[in-house]
Each structure stands twice: as C-alpha cells, then as structure tokens.
Amino acid sequence: MARKAAPTGDIVKLKVTLAGLRPPVWRRLLIPADMTLGELHHVIQSAMGWEGGHLHDFDVGFARYGDPDNTDDVDDEAEVALGTLMRAGATRFRYTYDFGDDWVHQIVAEGMVPRTEGQRYPACIGGKRACPPEDSGGPYGLAQLMAVRADPSHPDHAEMAEWLEEDYDPEAFSVAEADARIDARFNGRTARR
C-alpha cells in the first residue's frame, strides 16, 4: 500500500478516541479523502498500536462496513471512500476492533485541511496514552487488570503482572512511533519527515 498523494484540500483531519477509557486514549490523523474504509482500518491499527488479529467493522449511520470475507452482514469497506462518507454528511462514526473485547473507537472528522508539500499521507500528528494490550478484555477488563497489577496483595497479582508485562505504561505514547508504524505499513519502510 503506497501512501497516496492527495490533491490540495483533499486531506481529512480525524480524531480517533477509544470509548470507555478515562483518561482517554486518542490519535489525530491526516487521511486522504480518497482512502477507503478498508485502508483506514490499517491506519487506525498502526496509529493505535493494535496487532490486527481480530475482526473489525465500521458503523456509519445506518450502514455497517467491514471485510465481507470475514464478517457477516457488512457492506464492503474496500468500496467506500472516506470523502464519499463526508460528502454524505457522515462526520462522526464508529470503528470496532475485536468483537470479544469490543474496543469501540469514536471517529470525528474535524474538517478538511490543505495538503502540505513534503508531508506523507496518511499520517499521525497527535495523540495521548498507550494502546491497551490485545485481549485485555475491553475497557472493563483493562481496568481490572490494572487494579490487580497495582495491588501486590491480590492473589492474581503475579500472574496478571506477568501477562500485562511490567513495561506496559498506559501513559506512554509517541507521535513519531505511531507515524513510523503508519509509514512502514503504507511505504514498507520508516521515513523521516
């Protein structure tokens, strides 16, 4: 997947926020308007730091989009562009990753911005806090894991601390690292901006 060179004005600024977490985990992205929802799925995966091993879908108004080869009752995400949805008035929609944990991402289109010479698209330009670990049970499960990890007297402390990994820091986030993951996915390498 090569990053697309979008014409001037055809860049959508999106804010993607994980629902149910306080403080919030979010990313701000610059996305070419002609990018499909299928491609946006890969951008979100890269920007958030998900591993991509679970099913997903997009809920846009009364329509549900996803990969019809893997998910029942969805329209094909590869056939609808972000700009098409925006022109139809869809400026807020949801992306759900992992139907067991139900990580719901609230997506808000913050507007169109002009293309910047030398900037690669898609791109991550902002964000806060680390992506939750895969298979951590959604917002409720993550809260339980963090509580057990913080309580050395809890009978499951050692097991949960090992599973969660001692180096997991919920406050950690690097825009540069998130953008490098996007760049690696869409250009096959990491590039400096």
Protein backbone atom coordinates (compact mmCIF):
# COMPACT_ATOMS: atom_id res chain seq x y z
CA MET A 1 0.00 0.00 0.00
CA ALA A 2 1.63 3.23 -1.08
CA ARG A 3 0.73 6.46 0.62
CA LYS A 4 -1.44 8.43 -1.75
CA ALA A 5 -0.56 11.91 -2.91
CA ALA A 6 -3.88 13.67 -2.42
CA PRO A 7 -4.80 16.85 -4.26
CA THR A 8 -4.84 20.10 -2.29
CA GLY A 9 -7.76 20.26 0.11
CA ASP A 10 -8.47 16.54 -0.02
CA ILE A 11 -6.97 15.71 3.37
CA VAL A 12 -9.37 14.87 6.21
CA LYS A 13 -8.32 15.52 9.79
CA LEU A 14 -9.75 12.79 12.05
CA LYS A 15 -9.72 12.34 15.79
CA VAL A 16 -9.99 8.70 16.87
CA THR A 17 -10.80 8.13 20.57
CA LEU A 18 -11.20 4.80 22.35
CA ALA A 19 -14.58 4.78 24.11
CA GLY A 20 -14.88 3.85 27.77
CA LEU A 21 -11.39 4.79 28.94
CA ARG A 22 -10.55 7.57 31.36
CA PRO A 23 -8.23 9.30 30.83
CA PRO A 24 -8.87 8.94 27.10
CA VAL A 25 -6.65 7.22 24.55
CA TRP A 26 -6.77 9.09 21.26
CA ARG A 27 -4.98 9.75 17.96
CA ARG A 28 -5.24 12.63 15.47
CA LEU A 29 -4.78 11.54 11.87
CA LEU A 30 -4.46 13.13 8.44
CA ILE A 31 -6.16 10.92 5.87
CA PRO A 32 -6.52 11.37 2.09
CA ALA A 33 -10.23 11.75 1.29
CA ASP A 34 -9.98 9.07 -1.39
CA MET A 35 -8.76 6.48 1.14
CA THR A 36 -11.24 3.62 1.63
CA LEU A 37 -12.53 2.46 4.98
CA GLY A 38 -10.55 -0.74 4.43
CA GLU A 39 -7.37 1.32 4.22
CA LEU A 40 -8.48 3.47 7.17
CA HIS A 41 -8.74 0.26 9.20
CA HIS A 42 -5.00 -0.30 8.64
CA VAL A 43 -4.18 3.31 9.53
CA ILE A 44 -6.10 3.06 12.81
CA GLN A 45 -4.44 -0.28 13.62
CA SER A 46 -0.99 1.25 13.03
CA ALA A 47 -1.67 4.54 14.81
CA MET A 48 -3.19 2.92 17.87
CA GLY A 49 -0.68 0.09 18.06
CA TRP A 50 -3.10 -2.82 17.68
CA GLU A 51 -1.73 -6.08 16.31
CA GLY A 52 -4.60 -6.69 13.88
CA GLY A 53 -5.51 -10.25 14.83
CA HIS A 54 -9.23 -9.66 15.41
CA LEU A 55 -12.31 -8.82 13.37
CA HIS A 56 -13.49 -5.23 12.96
CA ASP A 57 -16.24 -3.13 11.44
CA PHE A 58 -17.30 0.47 10.89
CA ASP A 59 -20.75 1.76 11.87
CA VAL A 60 -21.65 4.80 9.78
CA GLY A 61 -25.22 5.98 10.29
CA PHE A 62 -27.41 3.04 9.39
CA ALA A 63 -24.70 1.23 7.41
CA ARG A 64 -22.14 -1.26 8.63
CA TYR A 65 -18.89 -1.75 6.70
CA GLY A 66 -16.22 -4.38 7.03
CA ASP A 67 -14.46 -7.20 5.23
CA PRO A 68 -17.30 -9.32 3.79
CA ASP A 69 -14.97 -12.32 3.54
CA ASN A 70 -14.61 -12.37 7.33
CA THR A 71 -17.65 -10.58 8.76
CA ASP A 72 -21.32 -11.29 8.08
CA ASP A 73 -23.87 -8.65 7.10
CA VAL A 74 -21.45 -5.85 6.19
CA ASP A 75 -21.03 -3.72 3.11
CA ASP A 76 -17.54 -3.90 1.61
CA GLU A 77 -15.22 -1.41 3.33
CA ALA A 78 -12.93 -1.51 0.29
CA GLU A 79 -15.59 0.09 -1.87
CA VAL A 80 -16.35 3.27 0.08
CA ALA A 81 -14.03 6.24 0.43
CA LEU A 82 -13.83 8.49 3.46
CA GLY A 83 -14.54 11.57 1.33
CA THR A 84 -17.71 9.97 -0.03
CA LEU A 85 -18.99 9.44 3.50
CA MET A 86 -18.14 13.01 4.46
CA ARG A 87 -19.92 14.42 1.42
CA ALA A 88 -22.96 12.39 2.52
CA GLY A 89 -22.81 14.12 5.93
CA ALA A 90 -21.08 11.38 7.96
CA THR A 91 -18.69 13.32 10.16
CA ARG A 92 -19.00 11.01 13.20
CA PHE A 93 -18.88 7.24 13.10
CA ARG A 94 -17.52 4.22 14.96
CA TYR A 95 -14.85 1.64 14.34
CA THR A 96 -14.99 -1.51 16.50
CA TYR A 97 -11.98 -3.77 16.82
CA ASP A 98 -12.11 -7.22 18.44
CA PHE A 99 -15.73 -8.29 18.75
CA GLY A 100 -14.96 -10.08 22.03
CA ASP A 101 -13.30 -7.16 23.80
CA ASP A 102 -15.33 -4.59 21.83
CA TRP A 103 -12.79 -1.80 21.56
CA VAL A 104 -15.03 0.96 20.17
CA HIS A 105 -13.23 3.87 18.55
CA GLN A 106 -15.24 7.07 18.18
CA ILE A 107 -14.17 8.82 14.96
CA VAL A 108 -14.81 12.52 14.42
CA ALA A 109 -13.96 14.29 11.18
CA GLU A 110 -12.56 17.63 12.33
CA GLY A 111 -12.55 19.07 8.83
CA MET A 112 -10.56 19.29 5.64
CA VAL A 113 -7.03 20.67 5.60
CA PRO A 114 -4.79 21.66 2.70
CA ARG A 115 -2.11 19.28 1.60
CA THR A 116 1.35 20.22 2.86
CA GLU A 117 4.25 19.85 0.46
CA GLY A 118 6.57 17.08 1.62
CA GLN A 119 4.08 15.60 4.10
CA ARG A 120 3.27 11.94 3.60
CA TYR A 121 -0.29 10.75 3.93
CA PRO A 122 -1.81 9.09 5.86
CA ALA A 123 -0.11 10.45 8.97
CA CYS A 124 -0.48 10.56 12.74
CA ILE A 125 0.01 14.11 14.03
CA GLY A 126 -1.09 13.79 17.66
CA GLY A 127 -2.32 11.51 20.40
CA LYS A 128 -2.26 10.58 24.04
CA ARG A 129 -1.71 7.40 26.03
CA ALA A 130 -0.79 3.87 25.08
CA CYS A 131 -2.97 1.46 23.21
CA PRO A 132 -4.37 -1.19 25.58
CA PRO A 133 -2.85 -4.65 25.30
CA GLU A 134 -4.54 -7.08 22.94
CA ASP A 135 -7.02 -9.48 24.58
CA SER A 136 -7.21 -7.43 27.78
CA GLY A 137 -11.00 -7.64 27.99
CA GLY A 138 -12.10 -4.24 26.74
CA PRO A 139 -12.33 -1.15 28.97
CA TYR A 140 -13.73 -3.10 31.94
CA GLY A 141 -11.17 -5.91 31.66
CA LEU A 142 -8.29 -3.46 31.33
CA ALA A 143 -9.42 -1.60 34.47
CA GLN A 144 -9.48 -4.91 36.36
CA LEU A 145 -6.03 -5.87 35.08
CA MET A 146 -4.56 -2.52 36.08
CA ALA A 147 -6.15 -2.75 39.55
CA VAL A 148 -4.76 -6.25 40.13
CA ARG A 149 -1.34 -5.16 38.83
CA ALA A 150 -1.31 -2.22 41.28
CA ASP A 151 -2.20 -4.42 44.29
CA PRO A 152 0.72 -6.72 45.26
CA SER A 153 -1.50 -8.39 47.88
CA HIS A 154 -4.07 -9.53 45.28
CA PRO A 155 -3.93 -13.33 44.79
CA ASP A 156 -3.69 -12.90 40.99
CA HIS A 157 -1.09 -10.12 41.10
CA ALA A 158 1.93 -12.14 39.90
CA GLU A 159 0.01 -13.80 37.07
CA MET A 160 -1.59 -10.56 35.86
CA ALA A 161 1.63 -8.57 36.18
CA GLU A 162 3.42 -11.14 34.04
CA TRP A 163 0.63 -11.25 31.44
CA LEU A 164 0.33 -7.47 31.28
CA GLU A 165 4.10 -7.07 31.03
CA GLU A 166 5.92 -4.91 33.53
CA ASP A 167 6.92 -2.39 30.87
CA TYR A 168 3.33 -1.56 29.87
CA ASP A 169 2.89 2.12 30.68
CA PRO A 170 -0.66 3.36 30.00
CA GLU A 171 0.62 6.95 29.76
CA ALA A 172 3.27 6.23 27.12
CA PHE A 173 2.71 7.44 23.58
CA SER A 174 4.96 8.74 20.81
CA VAL A 175 3.58 10.51 17.74
CA ALA A 176 6.81 9.70 15.91
CA GLU A 177 6.50 5.97 16.65
CA ALA A 178 2.82 5.88 15.64
CA ASP A 179 3.58 7.72 12.41
CA ALA A 180 6.53 5.40 11.73
CA ARG A 181 4.20 2.38 12.04
CA ILE A 182 1.83 4.01 9.52
CA ASP A 183 4.76 4.78 7.24
CA ALA A 184 6.03 1.20 7.49
CA ARG A 185 2.57 -0.14 6.63
CA PHE A 186 1.97 2.19 3.69
CA ASN A 187 5.51 2.65 2.36
CA GLY A 188 7.19 -0.52 3.57
CA ARG A 189 9.85 1.47 5.38
CA THR A 190 10.27 4.12 8.01
CA ALA A 191 10.98 7.60 6.69
CA ARG A 192 11.86 10.88 8.35
CA ARG A 193 9.57 13.81 7.79
